Amino acid sequence: MSGSQPTRVLVIDPHPIVRVGLDVVLRSDPRIVVTGLCDSGMAALELCRAESPHLVITEVHLPGMSGIDVCRTLKRDHPHVEVLVLTSDDRDDTVFEAIRAGATGYILKDITPENFLRAVHALMRGQTMIHPTIARRMLNRLSFISQDAERKIFFGDGLTEREAEILAEVARGATNKEIAKKLFISESTVKSRLRNIFRKIDVRDRTEAASYAAQKGYLR
């Protein structure tokens, strides 16, 4: 995109107050043109066909069609459109799913207006923008994955990446509270994942799970 051409932006958020606020912030920058504001994914896809935005800013949680599904559809039908996720959902699984769907930015709604505009322009310069706290967690998680990948821990036994991480922490003797804090998830999520893990590896309790993990090489 030419540096002299205004950035055409479409906003998707289910809450009117958020849409109005984003509209005000975006219009304060003369380099940006707001091509539309909508509250659902389906409405956004129609506007994309009609207005040809350069950038779509979307919430993850939308009525009917999720923001991640919107992103996936946009990258398939309009591959040159950039997608910036703006949400309060900072869960690792949601972040990774959005990035896999094609989002080039993922920021949280606690961002300041100034930094929000910087993120918009950074994306249009071809950069990837991830909220700082999320970026640090992603780097930690990717480091864990890369160090363990050769042992084929992940996806073995039918476990997801997150379940493999939790099983490894169980083998280290971590409590549910400690696991939740380390992996940035709730204790209830840990408990739910543990039930799935026990079922998948056919064990009855944490002691058996820890023994299984040690035998299978989940501890590095």
N, C-alpha and C. Protein backbone atom coordinates (compact mmCIF):
# COMPACT_ATOMS: atom_id res chain seq x y z
N MET A 1 0.84 -1.20 0.00
CA MET A 1 0.00 0.00 0.00
C MET A 1 0.87 1.25 0.00
N SER A 2 0.52 2.20 -0.78
CA SER A 2 1.28 3.45 -0.87
C SER A 2 1.24 4.20 0.46
N GLY A 3 2.38 4.84 0.81
CA GLY A 3 2.44 5.56 2.06
C GLY A 3 1.50 6.76 2.09
N SER A 4 1.10 7.28 0.91
CA SER A 4 0.23 8.45 0.85
C SER A 4 -1.25 8.06 0.84
N GLN A 5 -1.53 6.78 0.67
CA GLN A 5 -2.91 6.31 0.61
C GLN A 5 -3.44 6.05 2.01
N PRO A 6 -4.60 6.62 2.37
CA PRO A 6 -5.15 6.37 3.71
C PRO A 6 -5.43 4.88 3.93
N THR A 7 -5.28 4.45 5.17
CA THR A 7 -5.57 3.07 5.54
C THR A 7 -7.07 2.92 5.77
N ARG A 8 -7.69 2.04 5.02
CA ARG A 8 -9.13 1.82 5.13
C ARG A 8 -9.38 0.72 6.17
N VAL A 9 -10.14 1.07 7.20
CA VAL A 9 -10.31 0.18 8.35
C VAL A 9 -11.78 -0.17 8.58
N LEU A 10 -12.04 -1.45 8.81
CA LEU A 10 -13.37 -1.93 9.18
C LEU A 10 -13.30 -2.48 10.60
N VAL A 11 -14.25 -2.11 11.42
CA VAL A 11 -14.27 -2.51 12.84
C VAL A 11 -15.44 -3.46 13.10
N ILE A 12 -15.15 -4.56 13.81
CA ILE A 12 -16.20 -5.51 14.22
C ILE A 12 -16.14 -5.67 15.74
N ASP A 13 -17.22 -5.32 16.42
CA ASP A 13 -17.31 -5.53 17.86
C ASP A 13 -18.79 -5.57 18.24
N PRO A 14 -19.17 -6.50 19.12
CA PRO A 14 -20.60 -6.63 19.46
C PRO A 14 -21.12 -5.52 20.36
N HIS A 15 -20.23 -4.73 20.96
CA HIS A 15 -20.67 -3.72 21.93
C HIS A 15 -20.66 -2.31 21.31
N PRO A 16 -21.81 -1.64 21.29
CA PRO A 16 -21.90 -0.30 20.69
C PRO A 16 -20.89 0.69 21.26
N ILE A 17 -20.69 0.66 22.57
CA ILE A 17 -19.79 1.63 23.19
C ILE A 17 -18.35 1.44 22.70
N VAL A 18 -17.97 0.19 22.46
CA VAL A 18 -16.62 -0.09 21.96
C VAL A 18 -16.49 0.39 20.51
N ARG A 19 -17.51 0.10 19.70
CA ARG A 19 -17.47 0.53 18.30
C ARG A 19 -17.36 2.05 18.20
N VAL A 20 -18.15 2.75 19.02
CA VAL A 20 -18.10 4.21 18.99
C VAL A 20 -16.73 4.71 19.43
N GLY A 21 -16.19 4.11 20.49
CA GLY A 21 -14.88 4.53 20.97
C GLY A 21 -13.79 4.31 19.94
N LEU A 22 -13.81 3.15 19.30
CA LEU A 22 -12.81 2.86 18.27
C LEU A 22 -12.96 3.81 17.09
N ASP A 23 -14.18 4.10 16.75
CA ASP A 23 -14.43 5.02 15.63
C ASP A 23 -13.82 6.39 15.93
N VAL A 24 -14.01 6.87 17.14
CA VAL A 24 -13.47 8.18 17.53
C VAL A 24 -11.94 8.16 17.48
N VAL A 25 -11.34 7.11 18.02
CA VAL A 25 -9.87 7.03 18.04
C VAL A 25 -9.32 6.95 16.62
N LEU A 26 -9.91 6.09 15.81
CA LEU A 26 -9.41 5.91 14.44
C LEU A 26 -9.56 7.19 13.62
N ARG A 27 -10.69 7.87 13.75
CA ARG A 27 -10.93 9.08 12.97
C ARG A 27 -10.07 10.25 13.43
N SER A 28 -9.45 10.13 14.60
CA SER A 28 -8.56 11.19 15.06
C SER A 28 -7.25 11.19 14.29
N ASP A 29 -7.01 10.13 13.53
CA ASP A 29 -5.78 10.03 12.73
C ASP A 29 -6.12 10.28 11.27
N PRO A 30 -5.59 11.34 10.67
CA PRO A 30 -5.94 11.67 9.28
C PRO A 30 -5.46 10.65 8.26
N ARG A 31 -4.60 9.73 8.70
CA ARG A 31 -4.11 8.70 7.77
C ARG A 31 -5.03 7.49 7.70
N ILE A 32 -6.14 7.54 8.46
CA ILE A 32 -7.06 6.41 8.54
C ILE A 32 -8.45 6.82 8.09
N VAL A 33 -9.09 5.95 7.32
CA VAL A 33 -10.48 6.12 6.93
C VAL A 33 -11.27 4.94 7.47
N VAL A 34 -12.30 5.20 8.25
CA VAL A 34 -13.16 4.12 8.77
C VAL A 34 -14.22 3.82 7.72
N THR A 35 -14.15 2.59 7.17
CA THR A 35 -15.09 2.22 6.10
C THR A 35 -16.36 1.58 6.62
N GLY A 36 -16.35 1.19 7.90
CA GLY A 36 -17.57 0.58 8.43
C GLY A 36 -17.41 0.12 9.86
N LEU A 37 -18.53 0.08 10.58
CA LEU A 37 -18.61 -0.43 11.94
C LEU A 37 -19.72 -1.46 11.97
N CYS A 38 -19.45 -2.65 12.46
CA CYS A 38 -20.51 -3.67 12.51
C CYS A 38 -20.37 -4.54 13.75
N ASP A 39 -21.46 -5.26 14.05
CA ASP A 39 -21.49 -6.02 15.30
C ASP A 39 -21.43 -7.53 15.09
N SER A 40 -21.27 -8.00 13.86
CA SER A 40 -21.24 -9.44 13.61
C SER A 40 -20.31 -9.78 12.46
N GLY A 41 -19.88 -11.03 12.44
CA GLY A 41 -18.99 -11.48 11.39
C GLY A 41 -19.63 -11.48 10.02
N MET A 42 -20.88 -11.91 9.93
CA MET A 42 -21.56 -11.96 8.64
C MET A 42 -21.70 -10.57 8.03
N ALA A 43 -22.06 -9.59 8.88
CA ALA A 43 -22.17 -8.21 8.39
C ALA A 43 -20.82 -7.70 7.92
N ALA A 44 -19.76 -8.09 8.64
CA ALA A 44 -18.42 -7.65 8.27
C ALA A 44 -17.99 -8.20 6.93
N LEU A 45 -18.30 -9.46 6.67
CA LEU A 45 -17.91 -10.06 5.39
C LEU A 45 -18.61 -9.37 4.23
N GLU A 46 -19.87 -8.99 4.43
CA GLU A 46 -20.58 -8.25 3.38
C GLU A 46 -19.95 -6.88 3.15
N LEU A 47 -19.59 -6.20 4.24
CA LEU A 47 -18.95 -4.89 4.11
C LEU A 47 -17.58 -4.99 3.45
N CYS A 48 -16.88 -6.07 3.73
CA CYS A 48 -15.56 -6.26 3.10
C CYS A 48 -15.68 -6.34 1.59
N ARG A 49 -16.69 -7.03 1.13
CA ARG A 49 -16.90 -7.14 -0.32
C ARG A 49 -17.25 -5.79 -0.92
N ALA A 50 -17.99 -4.99 -0.16
CA ALA A 50 -18.45 -3.70 -0.69
C ALA A 50 -17.43 -2.58 -0.53
N GLU A 51 -16.67 -2.60 0.56
CA GLU A 51 -15.82 -1.45 0.89
C GLU A 51 -14.33 -1.68 0.70
N SER A 52 -13.89 -2.93 0.53
CA SER A 52 -12.47 -3.26 0.30
C SER A 52 -11.53 -2.61 1.32
N PRO A 53 -11.68 -2.92 2.59
CA PRO A 53 -10.78 -2.34 3.59
C PRO A 53 -9.37 -2.93 3.47
N HIS A 54 -8.40 -2.19 3.97
CA HIS A 54 -7.03 -2.72 4.06
C HIS A 54 -6.85 -3.52 5.35
N LEU A 55 -7.58 -3.12 6.39
CA LEU A 55 -7.43 -3.71 7.72
C LEU A 55 -8.79 -3.94 8.36
N VAL A 56 -8.96 -5.12 8.94
CA VAL A 56 -10.16 -5.43 9.71
C VAL A 56 -9.75 -5.62 11.17
N ILE A 57 -10.42 -4.89 12.06
CA ILE A 57 -10.18 -5.01 13.50
C ILE A 57 -11.36 -5.74 14.09
N THR A 58 -11.11 -6.87 14.75
CA THR A 58 -12.23 -7.68 15.22
C THR A 58 -12.04 -8.18 16.65
N GLU A 59 -13.15 -8.26 17.35
CA GLU A 59 -13.22 -8.95 18.63
C GLU A 59 -13.24 -10.46 18.35
N VAL A 60 -12.75 -11.27 19.28
CA VAL A 60 -12.81 -12.72 19.12
C VAL A 60 -14.24 -13.23 19.29
N HIS A 61 -14.91 -12.70 20.32
CA HIS A 61 -16.24 -13.21 20.68
C HIS A 61 -17.32 -12.36 20.02
N LEU A 62 -17.93 -12.94 18.98
CA LEU A 62 -18.98 -12.26 18.23
C LEU A 62 -20.21 -13.16 18.17
N PRO A 63 -21.39 -12.59 17.98
CA PRO A 63 -22.59 -13.42 17.85
C PRO A 63 -22.57 -14.20 16.54
N GLY A 64 -22.90 -15.47 16.62
CA GLY A 64 -22.97 -16.30 15.42
C GLY A 64 -21.62 -16.79 14.96
N MET A 65 -20.90 -15.96 14.28
CA MET A 65 -19.60 -16.31 13.71
C MET A 65 -18.50 -15.67 14.53
N SER A 66 -17.56 -16.46 15.03
CA SER A 66 -16.50 -15.91 15.88
C SER A 66 -15.54 -15.05 15.08
N GLY A 67 -14.80 -14.21 15.79
CA GLY A 67 -13.81 -13.38 15.14
C GLY A 67 -12.72 -14.22 14.48
N ILE A 68 -12.42 -15.38 15.05
CA ILE A 68 -11.42 -16.27 14.45
C ILE A 68 -11.94 -16.85 13.14
N ASP A 69 -13.21 -17.21 13.11
CA ASP A 69 -13.80 -17.68 11.85
C ASP A 69 -13.84 -16.57 10.81
N VAL A 70 -14.11 -15.35 11.26
CA VAL A 70 -14.08 -14.21 10.34
C VAL A 70 -12.69 -14.06 9.75
N CYS A 71 -11.69 -14.16 10.60
CA CYS A 71 -10.30 -14.03 10.15
C CYS A 71 -9.96 -15.11 9.14
N ARG A 72 -10.34 -16.33 9.43
CA ARG A 72 -10.06 -17.45 8.53
C ARG A 72 -10.71 -17.24 7.16
N THR A 73 -11.96 -16.78 7.18
CA THR A 73 -12.69 -16.55 5.94
C THR A 73 -12.09 -15.39 5.15
N LEU A 74 -11.73 -14.33 5.86
CA LEU A 74 -11.14 -13.17 5.20
C LEU A 74 -9.82 -13.53 4.52
N LYS A 75 -8.98 -14.28 5.21
CA LYS A 75 -7.68 -14.63 4.65
C LYS A 75 -7.81 -15.58 3.46
N ARG A 76 -8.93 -16.29 3.40
CA ARG A 76 -9.19 -17.16 2.25
C ARG A 76 -9.72 -16.36 1.07
N ASP A 77 -10.69 -15.48 1.34
CA ASP A 77 -11.37 -14.76 0.26
C ASP A 77 -10.71 -13.42 -0.08
N HIS A 78 -10.05 -12.81 0.89
CA HIS A 78 -9.40 -11.51 0.68
C HIS A 78 -8.01 -11.57 1.32
N PRO A 79 -7.09 -12.32 0.75
CA PRO A 79 -5.79 -12.58 1.40
C PRO A 79 -4.95 -11.35 1.67
N HIS A 80 -5.22 -10.26 0.98
CA HIS A 80 -4.41 -9.05 1.19
C HIS A 80 -4.93 -8.18 2.33
N VAL A 81 -6.08 -8.54 2.90
CA VAL A 81 -6.62 -7.78 4.03
C VAL A 81 -5.92 -8.23 5.31
N GLU A 82 -5.40 -7.27 6.07
CA GLU A 82 -4.78 -7.58 7.36
C GLU A 82 -5.86 -7.68 8.43
N VAL A 83 -5.63 -8.53 9.43
CA VAL A 83 -6.60 -8.68 10.51
C VAL A 83 -5.92 -8.43 11.85
N LEU A 84 -6.48 -7.51 12.61
CA LEU A 84 -6.01 -7.20 13.95
C LEU A 84 -7.08 -7.62 14.95
N VAL A 85 -6.74 -8.52 15.86
CA VAL A 85 -7.67 -8.93 16.91
C VAL A 85 -7.52 -7.97 18.09
N LEU A 86 -8.64 -7.40 18.51
CA LEU A 86 -8.67 -6.51 19.68
C LEU A 86 -9.71 -7.09 20.64
N THR A 87 -9.26 -7.61 21.77
CA THR A 87 -10.14 -8.37 22.64
C THR A 87 -9.67 -8.29 24.08
N SER A 88 -10.46 -8.81 24.99
CA SER A 88 -10.04 -8.96 26.39
C SER A 88 -9.61 -10.39 26.67
N ASP A 89 -9.74 -11.27 25.71
CA ASP A 89 -9.43 -12.69 25.86
C ASP A 89 -7.93 -12.91 25.61
N ASP A 90 -7.20 -13.17 26.70
CA ASP A 90 -5.75 -13.35 26.56
C ASP A 90 -5.32 -14.80 26.74
N ARG A 91 -6.26 -15.74 26.62
CA ARG A 91 -5.91 -17.15 26.79
C ARG A 91 -4.98 -17.62 25.67
N ASP A 92 -3.96 -18.39 26.04
CA ASP A 92 -2.98 -18.84 25.06
C ASP A 92 -3.62 -19.57 23.89
N ASP A 93 -4.55 -20.47 24.17
CA ASP A 93 -5.17 -21.25 23.11
C ASP A 93 -5.89 -20.35 22.11
N THR A 94 -6.54 -19.31 22.61
CA THR A 94 -7.25 -18.39 21.72
C THR A 94 -6.27 -17.60 20.86
N VAL A 95 -5.18 -17.16 21.48
CA VAL A 95 -4.16 -16.41 20.74
C VAL A 95 -3.60 -17.26 19.60
N PHE A 96 -3.19 -18.50 19.91
CA PHE A 96 -2.60 -19.35 18.90
C PHE A 96 -3.61 -19.68 17.79
N GLU A 97 -4.87 -19.87 18.17
CA GLU A 97 -5.88 -20.17 17.16
C GLU A 97 -6.07 -18.98 16.22
N ALA A 98 -6.06 -17.77 16.77
CA ALA A 98 -6.21 -16.58 15.93
C ALA A 98 -5.04 -16.42 14.98
N ILE A 99 -3.85 -16.68 15.46
CA ILE A 99 -2.67 -16.55 14.60
C ILE A 99 -2.68 -17.62 13.52
N ARG A 100 -3.08 -18.83 13.88
CA ARG A 100 -3.19 -19.89 12.87
C ARG A 100 -4.24 -19.54 11.82
N ALA A 101 -5.26 -18.78 12.23
CA ALA A 101 -6.32 -18.39 11.29
C ALA A 101 -5.86 -17.27 10.36
N GLY A 102 -4.71 -16.64 10.67
CA GLY A 102 -4.18 -15.61 9.78
C GLY A 102 -4.09 -14.21 10.35
N ALA A 103 -4.45 -14.04 11.63
CA ALA A 103 -4.35 -12.70 12.23
C ALA A 103 -2.89 -12.28 12.29
N THR A 104 -2.61 -11.03 11.95
CA THR A 104 -1.25 -10.52 12.01
C THR A 104 -1.03 -9.63 13.22
N GLY A 105 -2.08 -9.46 14.02
CA GLY A 105 -1.95 -8.70 15.25
C GLY A 105 -2.93 -9.21 16.29
N TYR A 106 -2.52 -9.17 17.57
CA TYR A 106 -3.40 -9.60 18.66
C TYR A 106 -3.09 -8.71 19.85
N ILE A 107 -4.01 -7.77 20.15
CA ILE A 107 -3.80 -6.84 21.25
C ILE A 107 -5.03 -6.86 22.16
N LEU A 108 -4.82 -6.40 23.38
CA LEU A 108 -5.88 -6.43 24.38
C LEU A 108 -6.52 -5.06 24.55
N LYS A 109 -7.73 -5.05 25.08
CA LYS A 109 -8.49 -3.82 25.17
C LYS A 109 -8.02 -2.88 26.27
N ASP A 110 -6.97 -3.27 27.00
CA ASP A 110 -6.40 -2.33 27.97
C ASP A 110 -5.35 -1.44 27.32
N ILE A 111 -5.17 -1.55 26.01
CA ILE A 111 -4.19 -0.75 25.28
C ILE A 111 -4.62 0.72 25.26
N THR A 112 -3.65 1.62 25.28
CA THR A 112 -3.97 3.05 25.20
C THR A 112 -4.33 3.42 23.76
N PRO A 113 -5.09 4.49 23.57
CA PRO A 113 -5.41 4.93 22.19
C PRO A 113 -4.17 5.17 21.35
N GLU A 114 -3.15 5.76 21.95
CA GLU A 114 -1.91 6.05 21.20
C GLU A 114 -1.25 4.76 20.72
N ASN A 115 -1.14 3.78 21.61
CA ASN A 115 -0.51 2.52 21.22
C ASN A 115 -1.39 1.72 20.26
N PHE A 116 -2.70 1.89 20.39
CA PHE A 116 -3.61 1.24 19.46
C PHE A 116 -3.36 1.75 18.04
N LEU A 117 -3.23 3.05 17.89
CA LEU A 117 -2.97 3.62 16.56
C LEU A 117 -1.58 3.20 16.05
N ARG A 118 -0.62 3.12 16.95
CA ARG A 118 0.71 2.64 16.54
C ARG A 118 0.61 1.22 16.00
N ALA A 119 -0.21 0.40 16.67
CA ALA A 119 -0.37 -0.99 16.23
C ALA A 119 -1.00 -1.06 14.84
N VAL A 120 -1.99 -0.22 14.60
CA VAL A 120 -2.64 -0.18 13.29
C VAL A 120 -1.62 0.15 12.20
N HIS A 121 -0.83 1.18 12.42
CA HIS A 121 0.14 1.58 11.40
C HIS A 121 1.27 0.56 11.26
N ALA A 122 1.63 -0.07 12.36
CA ALA A 122 2.68 -1.10 12.29
C ALA A 122 2.23 -2.27 11.42
N LEU A 123 0.98 -2.68 11.58
CA LEU A 123 0.46 -3.76 10.74
C LEU A 123 0.48 -3.38 9.28
N MET A 124 0.13 -2.15 8.98
CA MET A 124 0.10 -1.73 7.59
C MET A 124 1.50 -1.54 7.00
N ARG A 125 2.52 -1.52 7.88
CA ARG A 125 3.90 -1.50 7.38
C ARG A 125 4.46 -2.91 7.23
N GLY A 126 3.60 -3.91 7.47
CA GLY A 126 4.02 -5.29 7.31
C GLY A 126 4.54 -5.94 8.57
N GLN A 127 4.40 -5.27 9.72
CA GLN A 127 4.87 -5.83 10.98
C GLN A 127 3.77 -6.66 11.63
N THR A 128 4.17 -7.52 12.56
CA THR A 128 3.23 -8.29 13.37
C THR A 128 3.19 -7.70 14.76
N MET A 129 1.98 -7.47 15.28
CA MET A 129 1.85 -6.85 16.59
C MET A 129 1.16 -7.80 17.57
N ILE A 130 1.85 -8.12 18.65
CA ILE A 130 1.29 -8.96 19.70
C ILE A 130 1.43 -8.19 21.02
N HIS A 131 0.36 -8.19 21.81
CA HIS A 131 0.38 -7.51 23.10
C HIS A 131 1.60 -8.00 23.90
N PRO A 132 2.35 -7.10 24.54
CA PRO A 132 3.62 -7.48 25.19
C PRO A 132 3.51 -8.66 26.16
N THR A 133 2.49 -8.68 27.02
CA THR A 133 2.40 -9.77 27.98
C THR A 133 2.13 -11.10 27.28
N ILE A 134 1.35 -11.06 26.22
CA ILE A 134 1.08 -12.27 25.46
C ILE A 134 2.34 -12.73 24.72
N ALA A 135 3.08 -11.78 24.18
CA ALA A 135 4.30 -12.11 23.43
C ALA A 135 5.30 -12.85 24.32
N ARG A 136 5.45 -12.39 25.55
CA ARG A 136 6.38 -13.06 26.46
C ARG A 136 5.94 -14.50 26.74
N ARG A 137 4.65 -14.68 26.96
CA ARG A 137 4.14 -16.03 27.22
C ARG A 137 4.32 -16.92 26.00
N MET A 138 4.08 -16.37 24.82
CA MET A 138 4.25 -17.16 23.60
C MET A 138 5.68 -17.62 23.43
N LEU A 139 6.63 -16.73 23.72
CA LEU A 139 8.04 -17.09 23.60
C LEU A 139 8.39 -18.20 24.57
N ASN A 140 7.87 -18.10 25.80
CA ASN A 140 8.13 -19.15 26.79
C ASN A 140 7.54 -20.48 26.34
N ARG A 141 6.34 -20.43 25.81
CA ARG A 141 5.68 -21.65 25.37
C ARG A 141 6.39 -22.26 24.17
N LEU A 142 6.79 -21.43 23.21
CA LEU A 142 7.48 -21.94 22.03
C LEU A 142 8.83 -22.53 22.40
N SER A 143 9.49 -21.94 23.41
CA SER A 143 10.76 -22.49 23.88
C SER A 143 10.54 -23.87 24.45
N PHE A 144 9.46 -24.03 25.24
CA PHE A 144 9.13 -25.34 25.82
C PHE A 144 8.88 -26.35 24.72
N ILE A 145 8.12 -25.95 23.71
CA ILE A 145 7.80 -26.86 22.62
C ILE A 145 9.04 -27.25 21.84
N SER A 146 9.90 -26.27 21.53
CA SER A 146 11.07 -26.57 20.70
C SER A 146 12.04 -27.48 21.43
N GLN A 147 12.15 -27.33 22.75
CA GLN A 147 13.08 -28.16 23.49
C GLN A 147 12.57 -29.59 23.62
N ASP A 148 11.27 -29.78 23.62
CA ASP A 148 10.72 -31.11 23.81
C ASP A 148 10.29 -31.79 22.53
N ALA A 149 10.30 -31.07 21.42
CA ALA A 149 9.74 -31.61 20.18
C ALA A 149 10.44 -32.88 19.72
N GLU A 150 11.77 -32.97 19.93
CA GLU A 150 12.49 -34.13 19.45
C GLU A 150 12.06 -35.40 20.15
N ARG A 151 11.54 -35.27 21.34
CA ARG A 151 11.07 -36.45 22.07
C ARG A 151 9.63 -36.81 21.70
N LYS A 152 9.04 -36.01 20.82
CA LYS A 152 7.69 -36.26 20.33
C LYS A 152 6.69 -36.32 21.48
N ILE A 153 6.90 -35.43 22.44
CA ILE A 153 5.97 -35.36 23.56
C ILE A 153 4.60 -34.91 23.09
N PHE A 154 4.58 -33.82 22.33
CA PHE A 154 3.31 -33.25 21.93
C PHE A 154 2.65 -34.08 20.87
N PHE A 155 1.37 -34.24 21.02
CA PHE A 155 0.51 -35.02 20.15
C PHE A 155 0.68 -36.53 20.39
N GLY A 156 1.70 -36.95 21.18
CA GLY A 156 1.78 -38.35 21.56
C GLY A 156 0.66 -38.65 22.54
N ASP A 157 0.19 -39.88 22.57
CA ASP A 157 -0.88 -40.31 23.47
C ASP A 157 -2.19 -39.57 23.22
N GLY A 158 -2.26 -38.88 22.10
CA GLY A 158 -3.47 -38.12 21.80
C GLY A 158 -3.60 -36.84 22.59
N LEU A 159 -2.52 -36.40 23.25
CA LEU A 159 -2.57 -35.19 24.06
C LEU A 159 -2.38 -33.94 23.21
N THR A 160 -3.05 -32.89 23.61
CA THR A 160 -2.80 -31.59 22.98
C THR A 160 -1.53 -31.00 23.56
N GLU A 161 -1.05 -29.91 22.97
CA GLU A 161 0.14 -29.26 23.50
C GLU A 161 -0.06 -28.84 24.94
N ARG A 162 -1.20 -28.24 25.23
CA ARG A 162 -1.48 -27.77 26.59
C ARG A 162 -1.55 -28.94 27.57
N GLU A 163 -2.18 -30.03 27.17
CA GLU A 163 -2.27 -31.19 28.04
C GLU A 163 -0.89 -31.78 28.33
N ALA A 164 -0.02 -31.79 27.33
CA ALA A 164 1.34 -32.29 27.52
C ALA A 164 2.10 -31.41 28.51
N GLU A 165 1.89 -30.09 28.43
CA GLU A 165 2.53 -29.18 29.37
C GLU A 165 2.05 -29.45 30.79
N ILE A 166 0.75 -29.63 30.95
CA ILE A 166 0.18 -29.89 32.27
C ILE A 166 0.69 -31.21 32.83
N LEU A 167 0.74 -32.25 32.00
CA LEU A 167 1.24 -33.54 32.46
C LEU A 167 2.68 -33.44 32.92
N ALA A 168 3.49 -32.68 32.20
CA ALA A 168 4.88 -32.50 32.60
C ALA A 168 4.97 -31.81 33.95
N GLU A 169 4.10 -30.83 34.19
CA GLU A 169 4.11 -30.14 35.48
C GLU A 169 3.65 -31.06 36.60
N VAL A 170 2.69 -31.92 36.34
CA VAL A 170 2.25 -32.91 37.33
C VAL A 170 3.41 -33.81 37.72
N ALA A 171 4.18 -34.23 36.71
CA ALA A 171 5.32 -35.10 36.97
C ALA A 171 6.39 -34.40 37.80
N ARG A 172 6.42 -33.08 37.75
CA ARG A 172 7.38 -32.32 38.56
C ARG A 172 6.86 -32.09 39.97
N GLY A 173 5.62 -32.51 40.23
CA GLY A 173 5.06 -32.36 41.56
C GLY A 173 4.31 -31.07 41.79
N ALA A 174 4.02 -30.33 40.72
CA ALA A 174 3.32 -29.06 40.86
C ALA A 174 1.86 -29.26 41.25
N THR A 175 1.33 -28.38 42.06
CA THR A 175 -0.08 -28.42 42.42
C THR A 175 -0.90 -27.78 41.30
N ASN A 176 -2.21 -27.96 41.38
CA ASN A 176 -3.08 -27.34 40.37
C ASN A 176 -2.92 -25.82 40.38
N LYS A 177 -2.80 -25.24 41.57
CA LYS A 177 -2.63 -23.79 41.67
C LYS A 177 -1.33 -23.35 41.02
N GLU A 178 -0.25 -24.10 41.26
CA GLU A 178 1.05 -23.76 40.67
C GLU A 178 1.03 -23.90 39.15
N ILE A 179 0.36 -24.95 38.68
CA ILE A 179 0.25 -25.16 37.23
C ILE A 179 -0.54 -24.02 36.59
N ALA A 180 -1.63 -23.65 37.23
CA ALA A 180 -2.48 -22.57 36.70
C ALA A 180 -1.69 -21.27 36.60
N LYS A 181 -0.91 -20.98 37.63
CA LYS A 181 -0.13 -19.74 37.64
C LYS A 181 0.94 -19.76 36.56
N LYS A 182 1.61 -20.88 36.41
CA LYS A 182 2.70 -20.96 35.44
C LYS A 182 2.20 -20.89 34.01
N LEU A 183 1.05 -21.53 33.74
CA LEU A 183 0.55 -21.61 32.37
C LEU A 183 -0.50 -20.55 32.05
N PHE A 184 -0.77 -19.65 33.02
CA PHE A 184 -1.71 -18.54 32.81
C PHE A 184 -3.11 -19.04 32.46
N ILE A 185 -3.55 -20.04 33.21
CA ILE A 185 -4.91 -20.55 33.05
C ILE A 185 -5.53 -20.67 34.43
N SER A 186 -6.83 -20.94 34.50
CA SER A 186 -7.50 -21.04 35.79
C SER A 186 -7.32 -22.43 36.38
N GLU A 187 -7.50 -22.54 37.70
CA GLU A 187 -7.41 -23.85 38.34
C GLU A 187 -8.51 -24.79 37.83
N SER A 188 -9.68 -24.24 37.55
CA SER A 188 -10.76 -25.09 37.03
C SER A 188 -10.40 -25.66 35.67
N THR A 189 -9.68 -24.88 34.87
CA THR A 189 -9.21 -25.38 33.57
C THR A 189 -8.20 -26.50 33.77
N VAL A 190 -7.30 -26.32 34.74
CA VAL A 190 -6.32 -27.38 35.03
C VAL A 190 -7.04 -28.67 35.42
N LYS A 191 -8.02 -28.56 36.30
CA LYS A 191 -8.76 -29.75 36.74
C LYS A 191 -9.46 -30.43 35.57
N SER A 192 -10.07 -29.63 34.70
CA SER A 192 -10.76 -30.19 33.54
C SER A 192 -9.79 -30.89 32.61
N ARG A 193 -8.64 -30.24 32.35
CA ARG A 193 -7.63 -30.84 31.47
C ARG A 193 -7.06 -32.12 32.08
N LEU A 194 -6.88 -32.13 33.40
CA LEU A 194 -6.35 -33.33 34.04
C LEU A 194 -7.29 -34.52 33.87
N ARG A 195 -8.58 -34.26 33.96
CA ARG A 195 -9.54 -35.36 33.74
C ARG A 195 -9.37 -35.94 32.34
N ASN A 196 -9.20 -35.06 31.36
CA ASN A 196 -8.99 -35.53 29.98
C ASN A 196 -7.68 -36.29 29.85
N ILE A 197 -6.64 -35.78 30.51
CA ILE A 197 -5.33 -36.43 30.45
C ILE A 197 -5.40 -37.82 31.06
N PHE A 198 -6.00 -37.93 32.24
CA PHE A 198 -6.10 -39.24 32.90
C PHE A 198 -6.83 -40.25 32.01
N ARG A 199 -7.88 -39.76 31.35
CA ARG A 199 -8.64 -40.65 30.48
C ARG A 199 -7.81 -41.09 29.28
N LYS A 200 -7.09 -40.14 28.68
CA LYS A 200 -6.32 -40.46 27.48
C LYS A 200 -5.14 -41.40 27.74
N ILE A 201 -4.49 -41.25 28.89
CA ILE A 201 -3.34 -42.11 29.17
C ILE A 201 -3.70 -43.27 30.09
N ASP A 202 -5.00 -43.37 30.43
CA ASP A 202 -5.54 -44.51 31.19
C ASP A 202 -4.88 -44.66 32.56
N VAL A 203 -4.91 -43.57 33.34
CA VAL A 203 -4.44 -43.63 34.72
C VAL A 203 -5.56 -43.14 35.64
N ARG A 204 -5.39 -43.44 36.93
CA ARG A 204 -6.47 -43.12 37.87
C ARG A 204 -6.22 -41.86 38.69
N ASP A 205 -4.95 -41.49 38.89
CA ASP A 205 -4.67 -40.35 39.76
C ASP A 205 -3.35 -39.69 39.38
N ARG A 206 -2.99 -38.65 40.14
CA ARG A 206 -1.78 -37.88 39.84
C ARG A 206 -0.51 -38.71 39.99
N THR A 207 -0.52 -39.62 40.97
CA THR A 207 0.67 -40.45 41.18
C THR A 207 0.94 -41.32 39.96
N GLU A 208 -0.11 -41.96 39.45
CA GLU A 208 0.05 -42.78 38.26
C GLU A 208 0.42 -41.93 37.05
N ALA A 209 -0.18 -40.74 36.98
CA ALA A 209 0.11 -39.85 35.85
C ALA A 209 1.58 -39.40 35.88
N ALA A 210 2.08 -39.07 37.08
CA ALA A 210 3.48 -38.64 37.21
C ALA A 210 4.43 -39.77 36.82
N SER A 211 4.12 -40.98 37.25
CA SER A 211 4.95 -42.13 36.90
C SER A 211 4.94 -42.36 35.40
N TYR A 212 3.76 -42.26 34.80
CA TYR A 212 3.62 -42.44 33.36
C TYR A 212 4.45 -41.39 32.61
N ALA A 213 4.35 -40.14 33.05
CA ALA A 213 5.06 -39.05 32.39
C ALA A 213 6.57 -39.26 32.45
N ALA A 214 7.05 -39.70 33.60
CA ALA A 214 8.49 -39.94 33.74
C ALA A 214 8.96 -41.06 32.82
N GLN A 215 8.16 -42.12 32.74
CA GLN A 215 8.53 -43.27 31.90
C GLN A 215 8.51 -42.90 30.42
N LYS A 216 7.57 -42.04 30.03
CA LYS A 216 7.40 -41.69 28.62
C LYS A 216 8.31 -40.53 28.17
N GLY A 217 9.05 -39.94 29.10
CA GLY A 217 9.96 -38.88 28.71
C GLY A 217 9.36 -37.49 28.67
N TYR A 218 8.27 -37.27 29.41
CA TYR A 218 7.68 -35.93 29.42
C TYR A 218 8.50 -34.93 30.24
N LEU A 219 9.43 -35.44 31.03
CA LEU A 219 10.32 -34.56 31.79
C LEU A 219 11.64 -34.45 31.07
N ARG A 220 12.07 -33.22 30.86
CA ARG A 220 13.38 -33.06 30.21
C ARG A 220 14.44 -32.73 31.24
